[in-house]
Amino acid sequence: MWTYLGLYEDMQKATNPPRLVVFKKIQESVCLHLKWQAGDISSWPLDLDSGTFRKGLDHFRPQRILLFLDRKSTDETVHARIKNLLGQSDCPVVTLPSLEEMAQGNQQVKNEAWKILQSI
């Protein structure tokens, strides 16, 4: 299950914001280049209340959660909330770098994300 803080907000907009565009491109790339099956990829917003997030976990039953996280600007309160939400699942969480930075063209961050995805 793929997620990031702001996914729900991004999905509500009339046009796809840059980080959602990058999010979708990465999913397409893992299917094309790493031969992941599109049917094995699910996305569920992290910026929901814990009960709704839990419903997503129950529905998708992920083997792992792929979390894009802006480590530099996310404060401790947000980190604690994310940890609490993700703690509802028994599966491992793979943290990936910031979609925001990737959307701004940071190639180093894109490369780091790709290396992590290749290792899965």
PDB file of N, CA and C in Angstrom:
ATOM      1  N   MET A   1       0.844  -1.172   0.000  1.00  0.00           N
ATOM      2  CA  MET A   1       0.000   0.000   0.000  1.00  0.00           C
ATOM      3  C   MET A   1       0.892   1.239   0.000  1.00  0.00           C
ATOM      4  N   TRP A   2       0.656   2.115  -0.947  1.00  0.00           N
ATOM      5  CA  TRP A   2       1.428   3.337  -1.091  1.00  0.00           C
ATOM      6  C   TRP A   2       0.682   4.504  -0.448  1.00  0.00           C
ATOM      7  N   THR A   3       1.410   5.375   0.233  1.00  0.00           N
ATOM      8  CA  THR A   3       0.757   6.513   0.868  1.00  0.00           C
ATOM      9  C   THR A   3       1.725   7.662   1.102  1.00  0.00           C
ATOM     10  N   TYR A   4       1.147   8.797   1.366  1.00  0.00           N
ATOM     11  CA  TYR A   4       1.903   9.970   1.824  1.00  0.00           C
ATOM     12  C   TYR A   4       0.937  10.941   2.466  1.00  0.00           C
ATOM     13  N   LEU A   5       1.457  11.741   3.360  1.00  0.00           N
ATOM     14  CA  LEU A   5       0.656  12.760   4.016  1.00  0.00           C
ATOM     15  C   LEU A   5       0.311  13.820   2.972  1.00  0.00           C
ATOM     16  N   GLY A   6      -0.970  13.994   2.713  1.00  0.00           N
ATOM     17  CA  GLY A   6      -1.421  14.938   1.692  1.00  0.00           C
ATOM     18  C   GLY A   6      -2.055  14.251   0.497  1.00  0.00           C
ATOM     19  N   LEU A   7      -2.037  12.919   0.463  1.00  0.00           N
ATOM     20  CA  LEU A   7      -2.619  12.192  -0.663  1.00  0.00           C
ATOM     21  C   LEU A   7      -4.115  12.490  -0.797  1.00  0.00           C
ATOM     22  N   TYR A   8      -4.832  12.455   0.312  1.00  0.00           N
ATOM     23  CA  TYR A   8      -6.265  12.738   0.253  1.00  0.00           C
ATOM     24  C   TYR A   8      -6.513  14.141  -0.293  1.00  0.00           C
ATOM     25  N   GLU A   9      -5.774  15.089   0.223  1.00  0.00           N
ATOM     26  CA  GLU A   9      -5.901  16.484  -0.230  1.00  0.00           C
ATOM     27  C   GLU A   9      -5.614  16.586  -1.732  1.00  0.00           C
ATOM     28  N   ASP A  10      -4.553  15.935  -2.177  1.00  0.00           N
ATOM     29  CA  ASP A  10      -4.178  15.986  -3.594  1.00  0.00           C
ATOM     30  C   ASP A  10      -5.250  15.348  -4.477  1.00  0.00           C
ATOM     31  N   MET A  11      -5.872  14.287  -3.985  1.00  0.00           N
ATOM     32  CA  MET A  11      -6.893  13.587  -4.768  1.00  0.00           C
ATOM     33  C   MET A  11      -8.172  14.417  -4.919  1.00  0.00           C
ATOM     34  N   GLN A  12      -8.362  15.402  -4.067  1.00  0.00           N
ATOM     35  CA  GLN A  12      -9.568  16.229  -4.109  1.00  0.00           C
ATOM     36  C   GLN A  12      -9.471  17.374  -5.111  1.00  0.00           C
ATOM     37  N   LYS A  13      -8.293  17.642  -5.606  1.00  0.00           N
ATOM     38  CA  LYS A  13      -8.088  18.780  -6.507  1.00  0.00           C
ATOM     39  C   LYS A  13      -8.527  18.433  -7.929  1.00  0.00           C
ATOM     40  N   ALA A  14      -8.966  19.460  -8.650  1.00  0.00           N
ATOM     41  CA  ALA A  14      -9.458  19.267 -10.022  1.00  0.00           C
ATOM     42  C   ALA A  14      -8.344  18.818 -10.964  1.00  0.00           C
ATOM     43  N   THR A  15      -7.156  19.330 -10.765  1.00  0.00           N
ATOM     44  CA  THR A  15      -6.009  18.902 -11.575  1.00  0.00           C
ATOM     45  C   THR A  15      -4.992  18.262 -10.643  1.00  0.00           C
ATOM     46  N   ASN A  16      -4.251  17.309 -11.164  1.00  0.00           N
ATOM     47  CA  ASN A  16      -3.278  16.599 -10.338  1.00  0.00           C
ATOM     48  C   ASN A  16      -2.127  17.512  -9.947  1.00  0.00           C
ATOM     49  N   PRO A  17      -1.902  17.699  -8.634  1.00  0.00           N
ATOM     50  CA  PRO A  17      -0.750  18.474  -8.183  1.00  0.00           C
ATOM     51  C   PRO A  17       0.552  17.738  -8.516  1.00  0.00           C
ATOM     52  N   PRO A  18       1.671  18.448  -8.582  1.00  0.00           N
ATOM     53  CA  PRO A  18       2.940  17.840  -8.981  1.00  0.00           C
ATOM     54  C   PRO A  18       3.332  16.593  -8.184  1.00  0.00           C
ATOM     55  N   ARG A  19       3.112  16.600  -6.875  1.00  0.00           N
ATOM     56  CA  ARG A  19       3.547  15.415  -6.119  1.00  0.00           C
ATOM     57  C   ARG A  19       2.678  14.197  -6.443  1.00  0.00           C
ATOM     58  N   LEU A  20       1.392  14.396  -6.762  1.00  0.00           N
ATOM     59  CA  LEU A  20       0.540  13.276  -7.159  1.00  0.00           C
ATOM     60  C   LEU A  20       0.946  12.756  -8.542  1.00  0.00           C
ATOM     61  N   VAL A  21       1.376  13.661  -9.406  1.00  0.00           N
ATOM     62  CA  VAL A  21       1.867  13.259 -10.731  1.00  0.00           C
ATOM     63  C   VAL A  21       3.104  12.376 -10.573  1.00  0.00           C
ATOM     64  N   VAL A  22       4.034  12.790  -9.715  1.00  0.00           N
ATOM     65  CA  VAL A  22       5.250  12.003  -9.472  1.00  0.00           C
ATOM     66  C   VAL A  22       4.890  10.659  -8.834  1.00  0.00           C
ATOM     67  N   PHE A  23       3.983  10.673  -7.891  1.00  0.00           N
ATOM     68  CA  PHE A  23       3.509   9.461  -7.213  1.00  0.00           C
ATOM     69  C   PHE A  23       3.017   8.439  -8.240  1.00  0.00           C
ATOM     70  N   LYS A  24       2.190   8.891  -9.162  1.00  0.00           N
ATOM     71  CA  LYS A  24       1.650   8.001 -10.194  1.00  0.00           C
ATOM     72  C   LYS A  24       2.731   7.533 -11.172  1.00  0.00           C
ATOM     73  N   LYS A  25       3.657   8.426 -11.520  1.00  0.00           N
ATOM     74  CA  LYS A  25       4.750   8.044 -12.426  1.00  0.00           C
ATOM     75  C   LYS A  25       5.636   6.970 -11.806  1.00  0.00           C
ATOM     76  N   ILE A  26       5.900   7.090 -10.526  1.00  0.00           N
ATOM     77  CA  ILE A  26       6.719   6.088  -9.842  1.00  0.00           C
ATOM     78  C   ILE A  26       6.007   4.740  -9.849  1.00  0.00           C
ATOM     79  N   GLN A  27       4.715   4.739  -9.596  1.00  0.00           N
ATOM     80  CA  GLN A  27       3.960   3.482  -9.629  1.00  0.00           C
ATOM     81  C   GLN A  27       4.000   2.866 -11.026  1.00  0.00           C
ATOM     82  N   GLU A  28       3.851   3.687 -12.054  1.00  0.00           N
ATOM     83  CA  GLU A  28       3.935   3.188 -13.435  1.00  0.00           C
ATOM     84  C   GLU A  28       5.325   2.628 -13.724  1.00  0.00           C
ATOM     85  N   SER A  29       6.351   3.298 -13.230  1.00  0.00           N
ATOM     86  CA  SER A  29       7.732   2.867 -13.476  1.00  0.00           C
ATOM     87  C   SER A  29       8.049   1.527 -12.823  1.00  0.00           C
ATOM     88  N   VAL A  30       7.554   1.301 -11.598  1.00  0.00           N
ATOM     89  CA  VAL A  30       7.848   0.015 -10.963  1.00  0.00           C
ATOM     90  C   VAL A  30       7.149  -1.119 -11.703  1.00  0.00           C
ATOM     91  N   CYS A  31       5.998  -0.840 -12.265  1.00  0.00           N
ATOM     92  CA  CYS A  31       5.308  -1.870 -13.055  1.00  0.00           C
ATOM     93  C   CYS A  31       6.071  -2.147 -14.348  1.00  0.00           C
ATOM     94  N   LEU A  32       6.512  -1.096 -14.995  1.00  0.00           N
ATOM     95  CA  LEU A  32       7.198  -1.241 -16.276  1.00  0.00           C
ATOM     96  C   LEU A  32       8.605  -1.812 -16.121  1.00  0.00           C
ATOM     97  N   HIS A  33       9.397  -1.232 -15.234  1.00  0.00           N
ATOM     98  CA  HIS A  33      10.815  -1.589 -15.141  1.00  0.00           C
ATOM     99  C   HIS A  33      11.131  -2.673 -14.109  1.00  0.00           C
ATOM    100  N   LEU A  34      10.379  -2.712 -13.031  1.00  0.00           N
ATOM    101  CA  LEU A  34      10.643  -3.714 -11.994  1.00  0.00           C
ATOM    102  C   LEU A  34       9.668  -4.884 -12.076  1.00  0.00           C
ATOM    103  N   LYS A  35       8.747  -4.804 -13.021  1.00  0.00           N
ATOM    104  CA  LYS A  35       7.782  -5.883 -13.295  1.00  0.00           C
ATOM    105  C   LYS A  35       6.841  -6.168 -12.128  1.00  0.00           C
ATOM    106  N   TRP A  36       6.543  -5.129 -11.338  1.00  0.00           N
ATOM    107  CA  TRP A  36       5.522  -5.284 -10.318  1.00  0.00           C
ATOM    108  C   TRP A  36       4.178  -5.341 -11.038  1.00  0.00           C
ATOM    109  N   GLN A  37       3.231  -6.023 -10.478  1.00  0.00           N
ATOM    110  CA  GLN A  37       1.898  -6.119 -11.065  1.00  0.00           C
ATOM    111  C   GLN A  37       1.035  -4.947 -10.576  1.00  0.00           C
ATOM    112  N   ALA A  38       0.374  -4.274 -11.510  1.00  0.00           N
ATOM    113  CA  ALA A  38      -0.471  -3.129 -11.151  1.00  0.00           C
ATOM    114  C   ALA A  38      -1.536  -3.530 -10.129  1.00  0.00           C
ATOM    115  N   GLY A  39      -2.040  -4.743 -10.236  1.00  0.00           N
ATOM    116  CA  GLY A  39      -3.049  -5.221  -9.295  1.00  0.00           C
ATOM    117  C   GLY A  39      -2.531  -5.423  -7.880  1.00  0.00           C
ATOM    118  N   ASP A  40      -1.213  -5.456  -7.727  1.00  0.00           N
ATOM    119  CA  ASP A  40      -0.606  -5.611  -6.405  1.00  0.00           C
ATOM    120  C   ASP A  40      -0.339  -4.269  -5.726  1.00  0.00           C
ATOM    121  N   ILE A  41      -0.593  -3.191  -6.450  1.00  0.00           N
ATOM    122  CA  ILE A  41      -0.338  -1.846  -5.914  1.00  0.00           C
ATOM    123  C   ILE A  41      -1.657  -1.221  -5.493  1.00  0.00           C
ATOM    124  N   SER A  42      -1.699  -0.758  -4.265  1.00  0.00           N
ATOM    125  CA  SER A  42      -2.861  -0.012  -3.792  1.00  0.00           C
ATOM    126  C   SER A  42      -2.366   1.292  -3.186  1.00  0.00           C
ATOM    127  N   SER A  43      -3.233   2.260  -3.162  1.00  0.00           N
ATOM    128  CA  SER A  43      -2.920   3.556  -2.553  1.00  0.00           C
ATOM    129  C   SER A  43      -4.049   3.901  -1.594  1.00  0.00           C
ATOM    130  N   TRP A  44      -3.672   4.447  -0.445  1.00  0.00           N
ATOM    131  CA  TRP A  44      -4.673   4.841   0.536  1.00  0.00           C
ATOM    132  C   TRP A  44      -4.140   6.049   1.282  1.00  0.00           C
ATOM    133  N   PRO A  45      -4.959   7.080   1.410  1.00  0.00           N
ATOM    134  CA  PRO A  45      -4.488   8.319   2.059  1.00  0.00           C
ATOM    135  C   PRO A  45      -4.111   8.133   3.520  1.00  0.00           C
ATOM    136  N   LEU A  46      -3.055   8.782   3.880  1.00  0.00           N
ATOM    137  CA  LEU A  46      -2.580   8.774   5.262  1.00  0.00           C
ATOM    138  C   LEU A  46      -3.243   9.902   6.063  1.00  0.00           C
ATOM    139  N   ASP A  47      -3.703  10.937   5.359  1.00  0.00           N
ATOM    140  CA  ASP A  47      -4.262  12.104   6.037  1.00  0.00           C
ATOM    141  C   ASP A  47      -5.767  11.948   6.287  1.00  0.00           C
ATOM    142  N   LEU A  48      -6.099  10.849   6.950  1.00  0.00           N
ATOM    143  CA  LEU A  48      -7.465  10.534   7.340  1.00  0.00           C
ATOM    144  C   LEU A  48      -7.480  10.245   8.829  1.00  0.00           C
ATOM    145  N   ASP A  49      -8.664  10.154   9.401  1.00  0.00           N
ATOM    146  CA  ASP A  49      -8.722   9.776  10.805  1.00  0.00           C
ATOM    147  C   ASP A  49      -8.306   8.305  10.939  1.00  0.00           C
ATOM    148  N   SER A  50      -7.959   7.904  12.133  1.00  0.00           N
ATOM    149  CA  SER A  50      -7.407   6.556  12.323  1.00  0.00           C
ATOM    150  C   SER A  50      -8.398   5.458  11.964  1.00  0.00           C
ATOM    151  N   GLY A  51      -9.696   5.678  12.198  1.00  0.00           N
ATOM    152  CA  GLY A  51     -10.685   4.666  11.856  1.00  0.00           C
ATOM    153  C   GLY A  51     -10.783   4.443  10.355  1.00  0.00           C
ATOM    154  N   THR A  52     -10.762   5.523   9.595  1.00  0.00           N
ATOM    155  CA  THR A  52     -10.834   5.406   8.140  1.00  0.00           C
ATOM    156  C   THR A  52      -9.552   4.795   7.592  1.00  0.00           C
ATOM    157  N   PHE A  53      -8.416   5.180   8.168  1.00  0.00           N
ATOM    158  CA  PHE A  53      -7.156   4.589   7.740  1.00  0.00           C
ATOM    159  C   PHE A  53      -7.176   3.084   8.009  1.00  0.00           C
ATOM    160  N   ARG A  54      -7.704   2.702   9.155  1.00  0.00           N
ATOM    161  CA  ARG A  54      -7.801   1.286   9.514  1.00  0.00           C
ATOM    162  C   ARG A  54      -8.663   0.514   8.508  1.00  0.00           C
ATOM    163  N   LYS A  55      -9.733   1.140   8.038  1.00  0.00           N
ATOM    164  CA  LYS A  55     -10.593   0.499   7.039  1.00  0.00           C
ATOM    165  C   LYS A  55      -9.803   0.212   5.761  1.00  0.00           C
ATOM    166  N   GLY A  56      -8.922   1.120   5.378  1.00  0.00           N
ATOM    167  CA  GLY A  56      -8.065   0.898   4.213  1.00  0.00           C
ATOM    168  C   GLY A  56      -7.123  -0.277   4.436  1.00  0.00           C
ATOM    169  N   LEU A  57      -6.552  -0.358   5.621  1.00  0.00           N
ATOM    170  CA  LEU A  57      -5.673  -1.483   5.947  1.00  0.00           C
ATOM    171  C   LEU A  57      -6.443  -2.798   5.901  1.00  0.00           C
ATOM    172  N   ASP A  58      -7.639  -2.794   6.459  1.00  0.00           N
ATOM    173  CA  ASP A  58      -8.454  -4.015   6.460  1.00  0.00           C
ATOM    174  C   ASP A  58      -8.858  -4.418   5.048  1.00  0.00           C
ATOM    175  N   HIS A  59      -9.159  -3.440   4.221  1.00  0.00           N
ATOM    176  CA  HIS A  59      -9.579  -3.733   2.849  1.00  0.00           C
ATOM    177  C   HIS A  59      -8.426  -4.245   1.990  1.00  0.00           C
ATOM    178  N   PHE A  60      -7.300  -3.533   2.016  1.00  0.00           N
ATOM    179  CA  PHE A  60      -6.185  -3.880   1.136  1.00  0.00           C
ATOM    180  C   PHE A  60      -5.289  -4.977   1.692  1.00  0.00           C
ATOM    181  N   ARG A  61      -5.227  -5.104   3.002  1.00  0.00           N
ATOM    182  CA  ARG A  61      -4.359  -6.095   3.646  1.00  0.00           C
ATOM    183  C   ARG A  61      -2.949  -6.080   3.028  1.00  0.00           C
ATOM    184  N   PRO A  62      -2.275  -4.938   3.153  1.00  0.00           N
ATOM    185  CA  PRO A  62      -0.969  -4.804   2.475  1.00  0.00           C
ATOM    186  C   PRO A  62       0.103  -5.710   3.062  1.00  0.00           C
ATOM    187  N   GLN A  63       1.025  -6.120   2.186  1.00  0.00           N
ATOM    188  CA  GLN A  63       2.197  -6.879   2.627  1.00  0.00           C
ATOM    189  C   GLN A  63       3.248  -5.929   3.185  1.00  0.00           C
ATOM    190  N   ARG A  64       3.218  -4.691   2.687  1.00  0.00           N
ATOM    191  CA  ARG A  64       4.094  -3.639   3.196  1.00  0.00           C
ATOM    192  C   ARG A  64       3.468  -2.301   2.858  1.00  0.00           C
ATOM    193  N   ILE A  65       3.870  -1.290   3.594  1.00  0.00           N
ATOM    194  CA  ILE A  65       3.408   0.067   3.338  1.00  0.00           C
ATOM    195  C   ILE A  65       4.601   0.863   2.834  1.00  0.00           C
ATOM    196  N   LEU A  66       4.407   1.517   1.698  1.00  0.00           N
ATOM    197  CA  LEU A  66       5.430   2.395   1.141  1.00  0.00           C
ATOM    198  C   LEU A  66       5.024   3.821   1.466  1.00  0.00           C
ATOM    199  N   LEU A  67       5.793   4.465   2.309  1.00  0.00           N
ATOM    200  CA  LEU A  67       5.479   5.795   2.824  1.00  0.00           C
ATOM    201  C   LEU A  67       6.458   6.824   2.283  1.00  0.00           C
ATOM    202  N   PHE A  68       5.952   7.753   1.498  1.00  0.00           N
ATOM    203  CA  PHE A  68       6.766   8.888   1.059  1.00  0.00           C
ATOM    204  C   PHE A  68       6.682   9.923   2.168  1.00  0.00           C
ATOM    205  N   LEU A  69       7.827  10.376   2.647  1.00  0.00           N
ATOM    206  CA  LEU A  69       7.852  11.269   3.802  1.00  0.00           C
ATOM    207  C   LEU A  69       8.876  12.362   3.600  1.00  0.00           C
ATOM    208  N   ASP A  70       8.440  13.588   3.812  1.00  0.00           N
ATOM    209  CA  ASP A  70       9.353  14.724   3.776  1.00  0.00           C
ATOM    210  C   ASP A  70      10.005  14.819   5.146  1.00  0.00           C
ATOM    211  N   ARG A  71      11.160  14.211   5.267  1.00  0.00           N
ATOM    212  CA  ARG A  71      11.829  14.095   6.573  1.00  0.00           C
ATOM    213  C   ARG A  71      12.290  15.441   7.116  1.00  0.00           C
ATOM    214  N   LYS A  72      12.576  16.384   6.230  1.00  0.00           N
ATOM    215  CA  LYS A  72      13.125  17.671   6.675  1.00  0.00           C
ATOM    216  C   LYS A  72      12.072  18.584   7.283  1.00  0.00           C
ATOM    217  N   SER A  73      10.881  18.646   6.694  1.00  0.00           N
ATOM    218  CA  SER A  73       9.898  19.622   7.157  1.00  0.00           C
ATOM    219  C   SER A  73       8.783  19.032   8.015  1.00  0.00           C
ATOM    220  N   THR A  74       8.756  17.726   8.186  1.00  0.00           N
ATOM    221  CA  THR A  74       7.712  17.112   8.992  1.00  0.00           C
ATOM    222  C   THR A  74       8.090  17.211  10.462  1.00  0.00           C
ATOM    223  N   ASP A  75       7.234  17.859  11.257  1.00  0.00           N
ATOM    224  CA  ASP A  75       7.568  18.065  12.667  1.00  0.00           C
ATOM    225  C   ASP A  75       7.291  16.818  13.503  1.00  0.00           C
ATOM    226  N   GLU A  76       7.703  16.861  14.752  1.00  0.00           N
ATOM    227  CA  GLU A  76       7.607  15.700  15.641  1.00  0.00           C
ATOM    228  C   GLU A  76       6.164  15.254  15.874  1.00  0.00           C
ATOM    229  N   THR A  77       5.236  16.213  15.958  1.00  0.00           N
ATOM    230  CA  THR A  77       3.836  15.878  16.172  1.00  0.00           C
ATOM    231  C   THR A  77       3.292  15.067  15.000  1.00  0.00           C
ATOM    232  N   VAL A  78       3.648  15.486  13.791  1.00  0.00           N
ATOM    233  CA  VAL A  78       3.199  14.770  12.597  1.00  0.00           C
ATOM    234  C   VAL A  78       3.838  13.389  12.548  1.00  0.00           C
ATOM    235  N   HIS A  79       5.132  13.305  12.870  1.00  0.00           N
ATOM    236  CA  HIS A  79       5.810  12.002  12.905  1.00  0.00           C
ATOM    237  C   HIS A  79       5.116  11.060  13.891  1.00  0.00           C
ATOM    238  N   ALA A  80       4.724  11.576  15.057  1.00  0.00           N
ATOM    239  CA  ALA A  80       4.046  10.752  16.061  1.00  0.00           C
ATOM    240  C   ALA A  80       2.694  10.283  15.540  1.00  0.00           C
ATOM    241  N   ARG A  81       1.965  11.159  14.861  1.00  0.00           N
ATOM    242  CA  ARG A  81       0.655  10.788  14.298  1.00  0.00           C
ATOM    243  C   ARG A  81       0.817   9.720  13.222  1.00  0.00           C
ATOM    244  N   ILE A  82       1.796   9.894  12.352  1.00  0.00           N
ATOM    245  CA  ILE A  82       2.056   8.905  11.296  1.00  0.00           C
ATOM    246  C   ILE A  82       2.425   7.563  11.919  1.00  0.00           C
ATOM    247  N   LYS A  83       3.306   7.597  12.910  1.00  0.00           N
ATOM    248  CA  LYS A  83       3.725   6.359  13.574  1.00  0.00           C
ATOM    249  C   LYS A  83       2.528   5.662  14.211  1.00  0.00           C
ATOM    250  N   ASN A  84       1.632   6.434  14.819  1.00  0.00           N
ATOM    251  CA  ASN A  84       0.433   5.874  15.433  1.00  0.00           C
ATOM    252  C   ASN A  84      -0.460   5.216  14.382  1.00  0.00           C
ATOM    253  N   LEU A  85      -0.683   5.886  13.254  1.00  0.00           N
ATOM    254  CA  LEU A  85      -1.512   5.320  12.193  1.00  0.00           C
ATOM    255  C   LEU A  85      -0.893   4.043  11.634  1.00  0.00           C
ATOM    256  N   LEU A  86       0.391   4.112  11.332  1.00  0.00           N
ATOM    257  CA  LEU A  86       1.052   2.956  10.739  1.00  0.00           C
ATOM    258  C   LEU A  86       1.188   1.808  11.722  1.00  0.00           C
ATOM    259  N   GLY A  87       1.156   2.125  13.011  1.00  0.00           N
ATOM    260  CA  GLY A  87       1.223   1.102  14.038  1.00  0.00           C
ATOM    261  C   GLY A  87      -0.001   0.199  14.060  1.00  0.00           C
ATOM    262  N   GLN A  88      -1.058   0.589  13.344  1.00  0.00           N
ATOM    263  CA  GLN A  88      -2.268  -0.229  13.251  1.00  0.00           C
ATOM    264  C   GLN A  88      -2.046  -1.455  12.367  1.00  0.00           C
ATOM    265  N   SER A  89      -0.949  -1.466  11.645  1.00  0.00           N
ATOM    266  CA  SER A  89      -0.671  -2.555  10.714  1.00  0.00           C
ATOM    267  C   SER A  89       0.469  -3.406  11.235  1.00  0.00           C
ATOM    268  N   ASP A  90       0.427  -4.689  10.890  1.00  0.00           N
ATOM    269  CA  ASP A  90       1.503  -5.601  11.281  1.00  0.00           C
ATOM    270  C   ASP A  90       2.591  -5.682  10.222  1.00  0.00           C
ATOM    271  N   CYS A  91       2.373  -5.057   9.079  1.00  0.00           N
ATOM    272  CA  CYS A  91       3.327  -5.195   7.981  1.00  0.00           C
ATOM    273  C   CYS A  91       4.459  -4.157   8.100  1.00  0.00           C
ATOM    274  N   PRO A  92       5.581  -4.444   7.449  1.00  0.00           N
ATOM    275  CA  PRO A  92       6.694  -3.502   7.491  1.00  0.00           C
ATOM    276  C   PRO A  92       6.372  -2.209   6.739  1.00  0.00           C
ATOM    277  N   VAL A  93       7.003  -1.131   7.179  1.00  0.00           N
ATOM    278  CA  VAL A  93       6.854   0.171   6.533  1.00  0.00           C
ATOM    279  C   VAL A  93       8.185   0.530   5.895  1.00  0.00           C
ATOM    280  N   VAL A  94       8.142   0.825   4.600  1.00  0.00           N
ATOM    281  CA  VAL A  94       9.327   1.266   3.863  1.00  0.00           C
ATOM    282  C   VAL A  94       9.182   2.770   3.660  1.00  0.00           C
ATOM    283  N   THR A  95      10.127   3.525   4.198  1.00  0.00           N
ATOM    284  CA  THR A  95      10.072   4.973   4.065  1.00  0.00           C
ATOM    285  C   THR A  95      10.856   5.400   2.836  1.00  0.00           C
ATOM    286  N   LEU A  96      10.191   6.176   2.011  1.00  0.00           N
ATOM    287  CA  LEU A  96      10.791   6.719   0.787  1.00  0.00           C
ATOM    288  C   LEU A  96      10.926   8.223   0.941  1.00  0.00           C
ATOM    289  N   PRO A  97      11.825   8.831   0.171  1.00  0.00           N
ATOM    290  CA  PRO A  97      12.030  10.271   0.304  1.00  0.00           C
ATOM    291  C   PRO A  97      10.850  11.103  -0.205  1.00  0.00           C
ATOM    292  N   SER A  98      10.967  12.365   0.007  1.00  0.00           N
ATOM    293  CA  SER A  98       9.932  13.356  -0.249  1.00  0.00           C
ATOM    294  C   SER A  98       9.457  13.436  -1.703  1.00  0.00           C
ATOM    295  N   LEU A  99       8.159  13.284  -1.893  1.00  0.00           N
ATOM    296  CA  LEU A  99       7.566  13.502  -3.215  1.00  0.00           C
ATOM    297  C   LEU A  99       7.672  14.965  -3.614  1.00  0.00           C
ATOM    298  N   GLU A 100       7.607  15.835  -2.631  1.00  0.00           N
ATOM    299  CA  GLU A 100       7.712  17.276  -2.882  1.00  0.00           C
ATOM    300  C   GLU A 100       9.048  17.597  -3.546  1.00  0.00           C
ATOM    301  N   GLU A 101      10.122  17.050  -3.006  1.00  0.00           N
ATOM    302  CA  GLU A 101      11.449  17.284  -3.577  1.00  0.00           C
ATOM    303  C   GLU A 101      11.570  16.662  -4.963  1.00  0.00           C
ATOM    304  N   MET A 102      10.995  15.480  -5.142  1.00  0.00           N
ATOM    305  CA  MET A 102      11.034  14.846  -6.461  1.00  0.00           C
ATOM    306  C   MET A 102      10.259  15.673  -7.477  1.00  0.00           C
ATOM    307  N   ALA A 103       9.118  16.215  -7.055  1.00  0.00           N
ATOM    308  CA  ALA A 103       8.299  17.038  -7.946  1.00  0.00           C
ATOM    309  C   ALA A 103       9.027  18.320  -8.341  1.00  0.00           C
ATOM    310  N   GLN A 104       9.950  18.756  -7.497  1.00  0.00           N
ATOM    311  CA  GLN A 104      10.747  19.951  -7.799  1.00  0.00           C
ATOM    312  C   GLN A 104      11.971  19.611  -8.639  1.00  0.00           C
ATOM    313  N   GLY A 105      12.120  18.343  -9.009  1.00  0.00           N
ATOM    314  CA  GLY A 105      13.194  17.925  -9.902  1.00  0.00           C
ATOM    315  C   GLY A 105      14.475  17.487  -9.231  1.00  0.00           C
ATOM    316  N   ASN A 106      14.456  17.211  -7.947  1.00  0.00           N
ATOM    317  CA  ASN A 106      15.659  16.790  -7.235  1.00  0.00           C
ATOM    318  C   ASN A 106      16.031  15.368  -7.663  1.00  0.00           C
ATOM    319  N   GLN A 107      16.991  15.279  -8.558  1.00  0.00           N
ATOM    320  CA  GLN A 107      17.386  13.981  -9.122  1.00  0.00           C
ATOM    321  C   GLN A 107      18.007  13.056  -8.083  1.00  0.00           C
ATOM    322  N   GLN A 108      18.739  13.614  -7.146  1.00  0.00           N
ATOM    323  CA  GLN A 108      19.359  12.797  -6.106  1.00  0.00           C
ATOM    324  C   GLN A 108      18.290  12.086  -5.271  1.00  0.00           C
ATOM    325  N   VAL A 109      17.229  12.792  -4.946  1.00  0.00           N
ATOM    326  CA  VAL A 109      16.137  12.194  -4.164  1.00  0.00           C
ATOM    327  C   VAL A 109      15.413  11.146  -5.002  1.00  0.00           C
ATOM    328  N   LYS A 110      15.224  11.419  -6.286  1.00  0.00           N
ATOM    329  CA  LYS A 110      14.600  10.430  -7.184  1.00  0.00           C
ATOM    330  C   LYS A 110      15.444   9.161  -7.245  1.00  0.00           C
ATOM    331  N   ASN A 111      16.756   9.325  -7.360  1.00  0.00           N
ATOM    332  CA  ASN A 111      17.655   8.169  -7.409  1.00  0.00           C
ATOM    333  C   ASN A 111      17.599   7.369  -6.111  1.00  0.00           C
ATOM    334  N   GLU A 112      17.546   8.078  -4.987  1.00  0.00           N
ATOM    335  CA  GLU A 112      17.469   7.404  -3.692  1.00  0.00           C
ATOM    336  C   GLU A 112      16.180   6.582  -3.592  1.00  0.00           C
ATOM    337  N   ALA A 113      15.064   7.156  -4.032  1.00  0.00           N
ATOM    338  CA  ALA A 113      13.797   6.443  -4.003  1.00  0.00           C
ATOM    339  C   ALA A 113      13.844   5.206  -4.894  1.00  0.00           C
ATOM    340  N   TRP A 114      14.430   5.358  -6.067  1.00  0.00           N
ATOM    341  CA  TRP A 114      14.485   4.246  -7.008  1.00  0.00           C
ATOM    342  C   TRP A 114      15.337   3.099  -6.452  1.00  0.00           C
ATOM    343  N   LYS A 115      16.447   3.429  -5.792  1.00  0.00           N
ATOM    344  CA  LYS A 115      17.293   2.396  -5.194  1.00  0.00           C
ATOM    345  C   LYS A 115      16.527   1.628  -4.107  1.00  0.00           C
ATOM    346  N   ILE A 116      15.750   2.348  -3.327  1.00  0.00           N
ATOM    347  CA  ILE A 116      14.949   1.693  -2.284  1.00  0.00           C
ATOM    348  C   ILE A 116      13.926   0.766  -2.918  1.00  0.00           C
ATOM    349  N   LEU A 117      13.240   1.235  -3.952  1.00  0.00           N
ATOM    350  CA  LEU A 117      12.228   0.414  -4.613  1.00  0.00           C
ATOM    351  C   LEU A 117      12.836  -0.811  -5.280  1.00  0.00           C
ATOM    352  N   GLN A 118      14.020  -0.676  -5.826  1.00  0.00           N
ATOM    353  CA  GLN A 118      14.694  -1.823  -6.451  1.00  0.00           C
ATOM    354  C   GLN A 118      15.048  -2.890  -5.418  1.00  0.00           C
ATOM    355  N   SER A 119      15.256  -2.480  -4.180  1.00  0.00           N
ATOM    356  CA  SER A 119      15.658  -3.424  -3.146  1.00  0.00           C
ATOM    357  C   SER A 119      14.491  -4.217  -2.571  1.00  0.00           C
ATOM    358  N   ILE A 120      13.281  -3.858  -2.935  1.00  0.00           N
ATOM    359  CA  ILE A 120      12.084  -4.534  -2.397  1.00  0.00           C
ATOM    360  C   ILE A 120      11.802  -5.797  -3.179  1.00  0.00           C
TER     361      ILE A 120
END
